[in-house]
């Protein structure tokens, strides 16, 4: 038990990387075969149900569904998915804006 935070980590046995591969949750960009080759004992991908739902509803690939999910998370946290910068009007940067282009 983590005494400072007051919680116990629960064991996760809700899946495996083999299950994830069987469900189509792997690609050349996100290769789970390497996890199997290294005998990775973790429970597999986190939030895979959400990724599968995106794949089914929007008829997109695993990589596209991961991108859509990540963009949603960024937007929910008030971060511009295109730049990775906060959308908070109080946010201050020093230097050129990432969206500005230099003209010659």
PDB file of N, CA and C in Angstrom:
ATOM      1  N   UNK A   1       0.846  -1.186   0.000  1.00  0.00           N
ATOM      2  CA  UNK A   1       0.000   0.000   0.000  1.00  0.00           C
ATOM      3  C   UNK A   1       0.882   1.236   0.000  1.00  0.00           C
ATOM      4  N   UNK A   2       0.491   2.206  -0.786  1.00  0.00           N
ATOM      5  CA  UNK A   2       1.189   3.476  -0.802  1.00  0.00           C
ATOM      6  C   UNK A   2       0.640   4.302   0.351  1.00  0.00           C
ATOM      7  N   UNK A   3       1.425   4.441   1.406  1.00  0.00           N
ATOM      8  CA  UNK A   3       0.946   5.129   2.611  1.00  0.00           C
ATOM      9  C   UNK A   3       0.698   6.606   2.379  1.00  0.00           C
ATOM     10  N   UNK A   4       1.491   7.212   1.494  1.00  0.00           N
ATOM     11  CA  UNK A   4       1.330   8.647   1.261  1.00  0.00           C
ATOM     12  C   UNK A   4       0.029   8.964   0.535  1.00  0.00           C
ATOM     13  N   UNK A   5      -0.323   8.125  -0.398  1.00  0.00           N
ATOM     14  CA  UNK A   5      -1.522   8.393  -1.188  1.00  0.00           C
ATOM     15  C   UNK A   5      -2.731   7.604  -0.717  1.00  0.00           C
ATOM     16  N   UNK A   6      -2.523   6.569   0.091  1.00  0.00           N
ATOM     17  CA  UNK A   6      -3.629   5.821   0.657  1.00  0.00           C
ATOM     18  C   UNK A   6      -4.375   4.934  -0.308  1.00  0.00           C
ATOM     19  N   UNK A   7      -3.686   4.280  -1.222  1.00  0.00           N
ATOM     20  CA  UNK A   7      -4.372   3.381  -2.136  1.00  0.00           C
ATOM     21  C   UNK A   7      -3.542   2.130  -2.365  1.00  0.00           C
ATOM     22  N   UNK A   8      -4.211   1.091  -2.846  1.00  0.00           N
ATOM     23  CA  UNK A   8      -3.562  -0.155  -3.237  1.00  0.00           C
ATOM     24  C   UNK A   8      -3.664  -0.271  -4.747  1.00  0.00           C
ATOM     25  N   UNK A   9      -2.612  -0.733  -5.393  1.00  0.00           N
ATOM     26  CA  UNK A   9      -2.707  -1.035  -6.814  1.00  0.00           C
ATOM     27  C   UNK A   9      -3.399  -2.379  -6.964  1.00  0.00           C
ATOM     28  N   UNK A  10      -4.399  -2.416  -7.793  1.00  0.00           N
ATOM     29  CA  UNK A  10      -5.127  -3.660  -8.021  1.00  0.00           C
ATOM     30  C   UNK A  10      -4.448  -4.451  -9.120  1.00  0.00           C
ATOM     31  N   UNK A  11      -4.415  -5.766  -8.992  1.00  0.00           N
ATOM     32  CA  UNK A  11      -3.827  -6.564 -10.075  1.00  0.00           C
ATOM     33  C   UNK A  11      -4.700  -6.474 -11.318  1.00  0.00           C
ATOM     34  N   UNK A  12      -4.064  -6.378 -12.454  1.00  0.00           N
ATOM     35  CA  UNK A  12      -4.812  -6.308 -13.706  1.00  0.00           C
ATOM     36  C   UNK A  12      -4.568  -7.576 -14.501  1.00  0.00           C
ATOM     37  N   UNK A  13      -5.598  -8.332 -14.694  1.00  0.00           N
ATOM     38  CA  UNK A  13      -5.515  -9.545 -15.501  1.00  0.00           C
ATOM     39  C   UNK A  13      -6.651  -9.540 -16.514  1.00  0.00           C
ATOM     40  N   UNK A  14      -6.940  -8.370 -17.049  1.00  0.00           N
ATOM     41  CA  UNK A  14      -8.095  -8.225 -17.926  1.00  0.00           C
ATOM     42  C   UNK A  14      -7.749  -8.394 -19.395  1.00  0.00           C
ATOM     43  N   UNK A  15      -6.616  -8.956 -19.702  1.00  0.00           N
ATOM     44  CA  UNK A  15      -6.259  -9.136 -21.090  1.00  0.00           C
ATOM     45  C   UNK A  15      -4.784  -9.382 -21.224  1.00  0.00           C
ATOM     46  N   UNK A  16      -4.346  -9.403 -22.460  1.00  0.00           N
ATOM     47  CA  UNK A  16      -2.936  -9.619 -22.727  1.00  0.00           C
ATOM     48  C   UNK A  16      -2.616  -8.991 -24.071  1.00  0.00           C
ATOM     49  N   UNK A  17      -1.329  -8.896 -24.356  1.00  0.00           N
ATOM     50  CA  UNK A  17      -0.934  -8.381 -25.665  1.00  0.00           C
ATOM     51  C   UNK A  17      -1.359  -9.346 -26.768  1.00  0.00           C
ATOM     52  N   UNK A  18      -1.431 -10.639 -26.466  1.00  0.00           N
ATOM     53  CA  UNK A  18      -1.928 -11.599 -27.451  1.00  0.00           C
ATOM     54  C   UNK A  18      -3.384 -11.301 -27.799  1.00  0.00           C
ATOM     55  N   UNK A  19      -4.197 -11.004 -26.769  1.00  0.00           N
ATOM     56  CA  UNK A  19      -5.603 -10.642 -27.008  1.00  0.00           C
ATOM     57  C   UNK A  19      -5.695  -9.371 -27.850  1.00  0.00           C
ATOM     58  N   UNK A  20      -4.837  -8.402 -27.541  1.00  0.00           N
ATOM     59  CA  UNK A  20      -4.854  -7.143 -28.276  1.00  0.00           C
ATOM     60  C   UNK A  20      -4.505  -7.355 -29.750  1.00  0.00           C
ATOM     61  N   UNK A  21      -3.516  -8.201 -30.014  1.00  0.00           N
ATOM     62  CA  UNK A  21      -3.133  -8.502 -31.393  1.00  0.00           C
ATOM     63  C   UNK A  21      -4.289  -9.189 -32.107  1.00  0.00           C
ATOM     64  N   UNK A  22      -4.931 -10.136 -31.421  1.00  0.00           N
ATOM     65  CA  UNK A  22      -6.078 -10.833 -32.012  1.00  0.00           C
ATOM     66  C   UNK A  22      -7.221  -9.869 -32.324  1.00  0.00           C
ATOM     67  N   UNK A  23      -7.355  -8.800 -31.533  1.00  0.00           N
ATOM     68  CA  UNK A  23      -8.406  -7.810 -31.743  1.00  0.00           C
ATOM     69  C   UNK A  23      -8.036  -6.766 -32.797  1.00  0.00           C
ATOM     70  N   UNK A  24      -6.840  -6.883 -33.380  1.00  0.00           N
ATOM     71  CA  UNK A  24      -6.422  -5.939 -34.414  1.00  0.00           C
ATOM     72  C   UNK A  24      -5.780  -4.682 -33.860  1.00  0.00           C
ATOM     73  N   UNK A  25      -5.357  -4.722 -32.611  1.00  0.00           N
ATOM     74  CA  UNK A  25      -4.796  -3.535 -31.974  1.00  0.00           C
ATOM     75  C   UNK A  25      -3.270  -3.538 -32.038  1.00  0.00           C
ATOM     76  N   UNK A  26      -2.755  -3.624 -33.242  1.00  0.00           N
ATOM     77  CA  UNK A  26      -1.320  -3.561 -33.477  1.00  0.00           C
ATOM     78  C   UNK A  26      -1.107  -3.068 -34.898  1.00  0.00           C
ATOM     79  N   UNK A  27       0.052  -2.522 -35.149  1.00  0.00           N
ATOM     80  CA  UNK A  27       0.380  -2.025 -36.483  1.00  0.00           C
ATOM     81  C   UNK A  27       1.894  -1.919 -36.598  1.00  0.00           C
ATOM     82  N   UNK A  28       2.367  -1.551 -37.773  1.00  0.00           N
ATOM     83  CA  UNK A  28       3.811  -1.374 -37.940  1.00  0.00           C
ATOM     84  C   UNK A  28       4.310  -0.195 -37.118  1.00  0.00           C
ATOM     85  N   UNK A  29       3.438   0.769 -36.843  1.00  0.00           N
ATOM     86  CA  UNK A  29       3.802   1.930 -36.040  1.00  0.00           C
ATOM     87  C   UNK A  29       3.714   1.654 -34.540  1.00  0.00           C
ATOM     88  N   UNK A  30       2.927   0.655 -34.164  1.00  0.00           N
ATOM     89  CA  UNK A  30       2.696   0.320 -32.759  1.00  0.00           C
ATOM     90  C   UNK A  30       2.678  -1.196 -32.665  1.00  0.00           C
ATOM     91  N   UNK A  31       3.856  -1.793 -32.756  1.00  0.00           N
ATOM     92  CA  UNK A  31       4.005  -3.237 -32.904  1.00  0.00           C
ATOM     93  C   UNK A  31       4.023  -3.945 -31.556  1.00  0.00           C
ATOM     94  N   UNK A  32       2.964  -4.687 -31.272  1.00  0.00           N
ATOM     95  CA  UNK A  32       2.877  -5.422 -30.012  1.00  0.00           C
ATOM     96  C   UNK A  32       3.613  -6.756 -30.063  1.00  0.00           C
ATOM     97  N   UNK A  33       4.010  -7.194 -31.244  1.00  0.00           N
ATOM     98  CA  UNK A  33       4.756  -8.450 -31.360  1.00  0.00           C
ATOM     99  C   UNK A  33       6.053  -8.365 -30.559  1.00  0.00           C
ATOM    100  N   UNK A  34       6.653  -7.177 -30.495  1.00  0.00           N
ATOM    101  CA  UNK A  34       7.893  -6.994 -29.729  1.00  0.00           C
ATOM    102  C   UNK A  34       7.645  -7.244 -28.241  1.00  0.00           C
ATOM    103  N   UNK A  35       6.475  -6.854 -27.758  1.00  0.00           N
ATOM    104  CA  UNK A  35       6.142  -7.100 -26.359  1.00  0.00           C
ATOM    105  C   UNK A  35       6.076  -8.599 -26.082  1.00  0.00           C
ATOM    106  N   UNK A  36       5.488  -9.336 -27.018  1.00  0.00           N
ATOM    107  CA  UNK A  36       5.412 -10.790 -26.854  1.00  0.00           C
ATOM    108  C   UNK A  36       6.801 -11.411 -26.920  1.00  0.00           C
ATOM    109  N   UNK A  37       7.636 -10.938 -27.840  1.00  0.00           N
ATOM    110  CA  UNK A  37       8.979 -11.477 -27.989  1.00  0.00           C
ATOM    111  C   UNK A  37       9.815 -11.250 -26.731  1.00  0.00           C
ATOM    112  N   UNK A  38       9.522 -10.164 -26.014  1.00  0.00           N
ATOM    113  CA  UNK A  38      10.259  -9.844 -24.781  1.00  0.00           C
ATOM    114  C   UNK A  38       9.578 -10.443 -23.544  1.00  0.00           C
ATOM    115  N   UNK A  39       8.581 -11.277 -23.772  1.00  0.00           N
ATOM    116  CA  UNK A  39       7.842 -11.934 -22.682  1.00  0.00           C
ATOM    117  C   UNK A  39       7.270 -10.917 -21.691  1.00  0.00           C
ATOM    118  N   UNK A  40       6.706  -9.850 -22.227  1.00  0.00           N
ATOM    119  CA  UNK A  40       6.101  -8.795 -21.409  1.00  0.00           C
ATOM    120  C   UNK A  40       4.864  -9.353 -20.709  1.00  0.00           C
ATOM    121  N   UNK A  41       4.815  -9.251 -19.399  1.00  0.00           N
ATOM    122  CA  UNK A  41       3.741  -9.846 -18.614  1.00  0.00           C
ATOM    123  C   UNK A  41       2.619  -8.867 -18.258  1.00  0.00           C
ATOM    124  N   UNK A  42       2.687  -7.636 -18.771  1.00  0.00           N
ATOM    125  CA  UNK A  42       1.624  -6.675 -18.460  1.00  0.00           C
ATOM    126  C   UNK A  42       0.291  -7.135 -19.046  1.00  0.00           C
ATOM    127  N   UNK A  43      -0.760  -6.506 -18.613  1.00  0.00           N
ATOM    128  CA  UNK A  43      -2.119  -6.936 -18.978  1.00  0.00           C
ATOM    129  C   UNK A  43      -2.549  -6.482 -20.367  1.00  0.00           C
ATOM    130  N   UNK A  44      -1.694  -5.888 -21.133  1.00  0.00           N
ATOM    131  CA  UNK A  44      -2.077  -5.439 -22.463  1.00  0.00           C
ATOM    132  C   UNK A  44      -2.384  -3.957 -22.477  1.00  0.00           C
ATOM    133  N   UNK A  45      -3.045  -3.539 -23.533  1.00  0.00           N
ATOM    134  CA  UNK A  45      -3.296  -2.114 -23.736  1.00  0.00           C
ATOM    135  C   UNK A  45      -4.353  -1.570 -22.787  1.00  0.00           C
ATOM    136  N   UNK A  46      -4.119  -0.354 -22.345  1.00  0.00           N
ATOM    137  CA  UNK A  46      -5.065   0.353 -21.496  1.00  0.00           C
ATOM    138  C   UNK A  46      -6.076   1.066 -22.407  1.00  0.00           C
ATOM    139  N   UNK A  47      -7.317   1.140 -21.998  1.00  0.00           N
ATOM    140  CA  UNK A  47      -8.378   1.841 -22.736  1.00  0.00           C
ATOM    141  C   UNK A  47      -8.616   1.279 -24.136  1.00  0.00           C
ATOM    142  N   UNK A  48      -8.389  -0.015 -24.300  1.00  0.00           N
ATOM    143  CA  UNK A  48      -8.569  -0.598 -25.620  1.00  0.00           C
ATOM    144  C   UNK A  48     -10.030  -0.605 -26.070  1.00  0.00           C
ATOM    145  N   UNK A  49     -10.956  -0.643 -25.116  1.00  0.00           N
ATOM    146  CA  UNK A  49     -12.372  -0.625 -25.492  1.00  0.00           C
ATOM    147  C   UNK A  49     -12.714   0.664 -26.227  1.00  0.00           C
ATOM    148  N   UNK A  50     -12.161   1.770 -25.755  1.00  0.00           N
ATOM    149  CA  UNK A  50     -12.414   3.061 -26.404  1.00  0.00           C
ATOM    150  C   UNK A  50     -11.829   3.078 -27.818  1.00  0.00           C
ATOM    151  N   UNK A  51     -10.640   2.528 -27.992  1.00  0.00           N
ATOM    152  CA  UNK A  51     -10.014   2.486 -29.311  1.00  0.00           C
ATOM    153  C   UNK A  51     -10.806   1.579 -30.250  1.00  0.00           C
ATOM    154  N   UNK A  52     -11.237   0.428 -29.749  1.00  0.00           N
ATOM    155  CA  UNK A  52     -12.054  -0.469 -30.573  1.00  0.00           C
ATOM    156  C   UNK A  52     -13.361   0.186 -30.990  1.00  0.00           C
ATOM    157  N   UNK A  53     -13.964   0.930 -30.082  1.00  0.00           N
ATOM    158  CA  UNK A  53     -15.223   1.622 -30.382  1.00  0.00           C
ATOM    159  C   UNK A  53     -15.012   2.647 -31.497  1.00  0.00           C
ATOM    160  N   UNK A  54     -13.933   3.400 -31.426  1.00  0.00           N
ATOM    161  CA  UNK A  54     -13.623   4.383 -32.472  1.00  0.00           C
ATOM    162  C   UNK A  54     -13.401   3.670 -33.802  1.00  0.00           C
ATOM    163  N   UNK A  55     -12.665   2.561 -33.772  1.00  0.00           N
ATOM    164  CA  UNK A  55     -12.402   1.813 -35.003  1.00  0.00           C
ATOM    165  C   UNK A  55     -13.694   1.341 -35.654  1.00  0.00           C
ATOM    166  N   UNK A  56     -14.604   0.826 -34.837  1.00  0.00           N
ATOM    167  CA  UNK A  56     -15.873   0.310 -35.371  1.00  0.00           C
ATOM    168  C   UNK A  56     -16.772   1.427 -35.872  1.00  0.00           C
ATOM    169  N   UNK A  57     -16.950   2.464 -35.046  1.00  0.00           N
ATOM    170  CA  UNK A  57     -17.888   3.537 -35.404  1.00  0.00           C
ATOM    171  C   UNK A  57     -17.425   4.339 -36.608  1.00  0.00           C
ATOM    172  N   UNK A  58     -16.130   4.659 -36.650  1.00  0.00           N
ATOM    173  CA  UNK A  58     -15.638   5.537 -37.707  1.00  0.00           C
ATOM    174  C   UNK A  58     -14.963   4.775 -38.849  1.00  0.00           C
ATOM    175  N   UNK A  59     -14.918   3.433 -38.713  1.00  0.00           N
ATOM    176  CA  UNK A  59     -14.325   2.578 -39.743  1.00  0.00           C
ATOM    177  C   UNK A  59     -12.915   3.050 -40.106  1.00  0.00           C
ATOM    178  N   UNK A  60     -12.067   3.147 -39.064  1.00  0.00           N
ATOM    179  CA  UNK A  60     -10.690   3.589 -39.254  1.00  0.00           C
ATOM    180  C   UNK A  60      -9.731   2.510 -38.752  1.00  0.00           C
ATOM    181  N   UNK A  61      -8.480   2.668 -39.108  1.00  0.00           N
ATOM    182  CA  UNK A  61      -7.456   1.720 -38.678  1.00  0.00           C
ATOM    183  C   UNK A  61      -7.105   1.947 -37.205  1.00  0.00           C
ATOM    184  N   UNK A  62      -6.330   1.021 -36.672  1.00  0.00           N
ATOM    185  CA  UNK A  62      -5.877   1.119 -35.290  1.00  0.00           C
ATOM    186  C   UNK A  62      -5.083   2.410 -35.061  1.00  0.00           C
ATOM    187  N   UNK A  63      -4.161   2.723 -35.968  1.00  0.00           N
ATOM    188  CA  UNK A  63      -3.366   3.937 -35.805  1.00  0.00           C
ATOM    189  C   UNK A  63      -4.233   5.192 -35.871  1.00  0.00           C
ATOM    190  N   UNK A  64      -5.184   5.213 -36.790  1.00  0.00           N
ATOM    191  CA  UNK A  64      -6.080   6.369 -36.890  1.00  0.00           C
ATOM    192  C   UNK A  64      -6.934   6.500 -35.636  1.00  0.00           C
ATOM    193  N   UNK A  65      -7.399   5.387 -35.099  1.00  0.00           N
ATOM    194  CA  UNK A  65      -8.211   5.423 -33.879  1.00  0.00           C
ATOM    195  C   UNK A  65      -7.394   5.916 -32.689  1.00  0.00           C
ATOM    196  N   UNK A  66      -6.134   5.506 -32.599  1.00  0.00           N
ATOM    197  CA  UNK A  66      -5.269   6.006 -31.516  1.00  0.00           C
ATOM    198  C   UNK A  66      -5.086   7.511 -31.638  1.00  0.00           C
ATOM    199  N   UNK A  67      -4.903   7.998 -32.875  1.00  0.00           N
ATOM    200  CA  UNK A  67      -4.745   9.440 -33.101  1.00  0.00           C
ATOM    201  C   UNK A  67      -6.015  10.195 -32.716  1.00  0.00           C
ATOM    202  N   UNK A  68      -7.159   9.696 -33.127  1.00  0.00           N
ATOM    203  CA  UNK A  68      -8.437  10.333 -32.795  1.00  0.00           C
ATOM    204  C   UNK A  68      -8.609  10.388 -31.279  1.00  0.00           C
ATOM    205  N   UNK A  69      -8.319   9.299 -30.598  1.00  0.00           N
ATOM    206  CA  UNK A  69      -8.432   9.264 -29.137  1.00  0.00           C
ATOM    207  C   UNK A  69      -7.494  10.276 -28.489  1.00  0.00           C
ATOM    208  N   UNK A  70      -6.252  10.330 -28.971  1.00  0.00           N
ATOM    209  CA  UNK A  70      -5.293  11.262 -28.392  1.00  0.00           C
ATOM    210  C   UNK A  70      -5.712  12.713 -28.628  1.00  0.00           C
ATOM    211  N   UNK A  71      -6.228  13.013 -29.815  1.00  0.00           N
ATOM    212  CA  UNK A  71      -6.700  14.374 -30.099  1.00  0.00           C
ATOM    213  C   UNK A  71      -7.863  14.751 -29.186  1.00  0.00           C
ATOM    214  N   UNK A  72      -8.758  13.800 -28.928  1.00  0.00           N
ATOM    215  CA  UNK A  72      -9.877  14.056 -28.010  1.00  0.00           C
ATOM    216  C   UNK A  72      -9.370  14.375 -26.601  1.00  0.00           C
ATOM    217  N   UNK A  73      -8.381  13.614 -26.158  1.00  0.00           N
ATOM    218  CA  UNK A  73      -7.819  13.840 -24.821  1.00  0.00           C
ATOM    219  C   UNK A  73      -7.180  15.223 -24.748  1.00  0.00           C
ATOM    220  N   UNK A  74      -6.432  15.595 -25.791  1.00  0.00           N
ATOM    221  CA  UNK A  74      -5.802  16.915 -25.804  1.00  0.00           C
ATOM    222  C   UNK A  74      -6.857  18.017 -25.770  1.00  0.00           C
ATOM    223  N   UNK A  75      -7.887  17.899 -26.610  1.00  0.00           N
ATOM    224  CA  UNK A  75      -8.946  18.910 -26.641  1.00  0.00           C
ATOM    225  C   UNK A  75      -9.654  19.007 -25.288  1.00  0.00           C
ATOM    226  N   UNK A  76      -9.910  17.871 -24.668  1.00  0.00           N
ATOM    227  CA  UNK A  76     -10.564  17.844 -23.361  1.00  0.00           C
ATOM    228  C   UNK A  76      -9.740  18.587 -22.316  1.00  0.00           C
ATOM    229  N   UNK A  77      -8.420  18.537 -22.479  1.00  0.00           N
ATOM    230  CA  UNK A  77      -7.519  19.209 -21.555  1.00  0.00           C
ATOM    231  C   UNK A  77      -7.096  20.596 -22.035  1.00  0.00           C
ATOM    232  N   UNK A  78      -7.861  21.132 -23.001  1.00  0.00           N
ATOM    233  CA  UNK A  78      -7.647  22.487 -23.514  1.00  0.00           C
ATOM    234  C   UNK A  78      -6.256  22.658 -24.124  1.00  0.00           C
ATOM    235  N   UNK A  79      -5.858  21.662 -24.918  1.00  0.00           N
ATOM    236  CA  UNK A  79      -4.579  21.700 -25.620  1.00  0.00           C
ATOM    237  C   UNK A  79      -4.854  21.552 -27.110  1.00  0.00           C
ATOM    238  N   UNK A  80      -4.208  22.395 -27.912  1.00  0.00           N
ATOM    239  CA  UNK A  80      -4.368  22.343 -29.357  1.00  0.00           C
ATOM    240  C   UNK A  80      -3.702  21.077 -29.898  1.00  0.00           C
ATOM    241  N   UNK A  81      -4.466  20.158 -30.501  1.00  0.00           N
ATOM    242  CA  UNK A  81      -3.874  18.923 -31.004  1.00  0.00           C
ATOM    243  C   UNK A  81      -2.844  19.153 -32.116  1.00  0.00           C
ATOM    244  N   UNK A  82      -2.975  20.236 -32.859  1.00  0.00           N
ATOM    245  CA  UNK A  82      -2.055  20.494 -33.965  1.00  0.00           C
ATOM    246  C   UNK A  82      -0.686  20.957 -33.478  1.00  0.00           C
ATOM    247  N   UNK A  83      -0.662  21.735 -32.391  1.00  0.00           N
ATOM    248  CA  UNK A  83       0.609  22.301 -31.925  1.00  0.00           C
ATOM    249  C   UNK A  83       1.078  21.735 -30.597  1.00  0.00           C
ATOM    250  N   UNK A  84       0.154  21.170 -29.823  1.00  0.00           N
ATOM    251  CA  UNK A  84       0.506  20.685 -28.494  1.00  0.00           C
ATOM    252  C   UNK A  84       0.590  21.790 -27.457  1.00  0.00           C
ATOM    253  N   UNK A  85       0.177  22.984 -27.838  1.00  0.00           N
ATOM    254  CA  UNK A  85       0.233  24.125 -26.919  1.00  0.00           C
ATOM    255  C   UNK A  85      -1.103  24.327 -26.219  1.00  0.00           C
ATOM    256  N   UNK A  86      -1.061  24.815 -24.988  1.00  0.00           N
ATOM    257  CA  UNK A  86      -2.308  25.109 -24.273  1.00  0.00           C
ATOM    258  C   UNK A  86      -3.131  26.165 -25.009  1.00  0.00           C
ATOM    259  N   UNK A  87      -4.450  26.032 -24.935  1.00  0.00           N
ATOM    260  CA  UNK A  87      -5.353  27.004 -25.544  1.00  0.00           C
ATOM    261  C   UNK A  87      -5.777  28.075 -24.554  1.00  0.00           C
ATOM    262  N   UNK A  88      -5.258  28.015 -23.358  1.00  0.00           N
ATOM    263  CA  UNK A  88      -5.552  28.995 -22.313  1.00  0.00           C
ATOM    264  C   UNK A  88      -5.105  30.377 -22.783  1.00  0.00           C
ATOM    265  N   UNK A  89      -6.007  31.371 -22.767  1.00  0.00           N
ATOM    266  CA  UNK A  89      -5.628  32.713 -23.226  1.00  0.00           C
ATOM    267  C   UNK A  89      -4.528  33.350 -22.368  1.00  0.00           C
ATOM    268  N   UNK A  90      -4.308  32.830 -21.171  1.00  0.00           N
ATOM    269  CA  UNK A  90      -3.266  33.373 -20.306  1.00  0.00           C
ATOM    270  C   UNK A  90      -1.897  32.753 -20.589  1.00  0.00           C
ATOM    271  N   UNK A  91      -1.867  31.758 -21.465  1.00  0.00           N
ATOM    272  CA  UNK A  91      -0.609  31.088 -21.781  1.00  0.00           C
ATOM    273  C   UNK A  91       0.319  32.054 -22.508  1.00  0.00           C
ATOM    274  N   UNK A  92       1.568  32.124 -22.061  1.00  0.00           N
ATOM    275  CA  UNK A  92       2.545  33.034 -22.644  1.00  0.00           C
ATOM    276  C   UNK A  92       3.741  32.235 -23.142  1.00  0.00           C
ATOM    277  N   UNK A  93       4.182  32.540 -24.349  1.00  0.00           N
ATOM    278  CA  UNK A  93       5.408  31.936 -24.878  1.00  0.00           C
ATOM    279  C   UNK A  93       6.375  33.041 -25.229  1.00  0.00           C
ATOM    280  N   UNK A  94       7.630  32.707 -25.289  1.00  0.00           N
ATOM    281  CA  UNK A  94       8.657  33.647 -25.686  1.00  0.00           C
ATOM    282  C   UNK A  94       9.304  33.104 -26.949  1.00  0.00           C
ATOM    283  N   UNK A  95       9.369  33.912 -27.961  1.00  0.00           N
ATOM    284  CA  UNK A  95       9.922  33.472 -29.228  1.00  0.00           C
ATOM    285  C   UNK A  95       8.831  33.407 -30.277  1.00  0.00           C
ATOM    286  N   UNK A  96       9.178  32.928 -31.463  1.00  0.00           N
ATOM    287  CA  UNK A  96       8.194  32.874 -32.549  1.00  0.00           C
ATOM    288  C   UNK A  96       7.099  31.858 -32.273  1.00  0.00           C
ATOM    289  N   UNK A  97       5.928  32.152 -32.743  1.00  0.00           N
ATOM    290  CA  UNK A  97       4.795  31.249 -32.618  1.00  0.00           C
ATOM    291  C   UNK A  97       5.039  30.036 -33.492  1.00  0.00           C
ATOM    292  N   UNK A  98       4.714  28.828 -33.006  1.00  0.00           N
ATOM    293  CA  UNK A  98       4.931  27.628 -33.826  1.00  0.00           C
ATOM    294  C   UNK A  98       4.110  27.633 -35.094  1.00  0.00           C
ATOM    295  N   UNK A  99       3.004  28.368 -35.130  1.00  0.00           N
ATOM    296  CA  UNK A  99       2.153  28.383 -36.320  1.00  0.00           C
ATOM    297  C   UNK A  99       2.573  29.456 -37.313  1.00  0.00           C
ATOM    298  N   UNK A 100       3.492  30.349 -36.912  1.00  0.00           N
ATOM    299  CA  UNK A 100       3.915  31.400 -37.822  1.00  0.00           C
ATOM    300  C   UNK A 100       4.976  30.845 -38.766  1.00  0.00           C
ATOM    301  N   UNK A 101       4.924  31.298 -39.992  1.00  0.00           N
ATOM    302  CA  UNK A 101       5.924  30.846 -40.962  1.00  0.00           C
ATOM    303  C   UNK A 101       6.774  32.024 -41.347  1.00  0.00           C
ATOM    304  N   UNK A 102       8.050  31.774 -41.547  1.00  0.00           N
ATOM    305  CA  UNK A 102       8.937  32.855 -41.932  1.00  0.00           C
ATOM    306  C   UNK A 102       8.834  33.070 -43.431  1.00  0.00           C
ATOM    307  N   UNK A 103       8.722  34.313 -43.828  1.00  0.00           N
ATOM    308  CA  UNK A 103       8.634  34.631 -45.245  1.00  0.00           C
ATOM    309  C   UNK A 103       9.909  35.320 -45.674  1.00  0.00           C
ATOM    310  N   UNK A 104      10.346  35.005 -46.878  1.00  0.00           N
ATOM    311  CA  UNK A 104      11.602  35.577 -47.377  1.00  0.00           C
ATOM    312  C   UNK A 104      11.331  36.651 -48.376  1.00  0.00           C
TER     313      UNK A 104
END
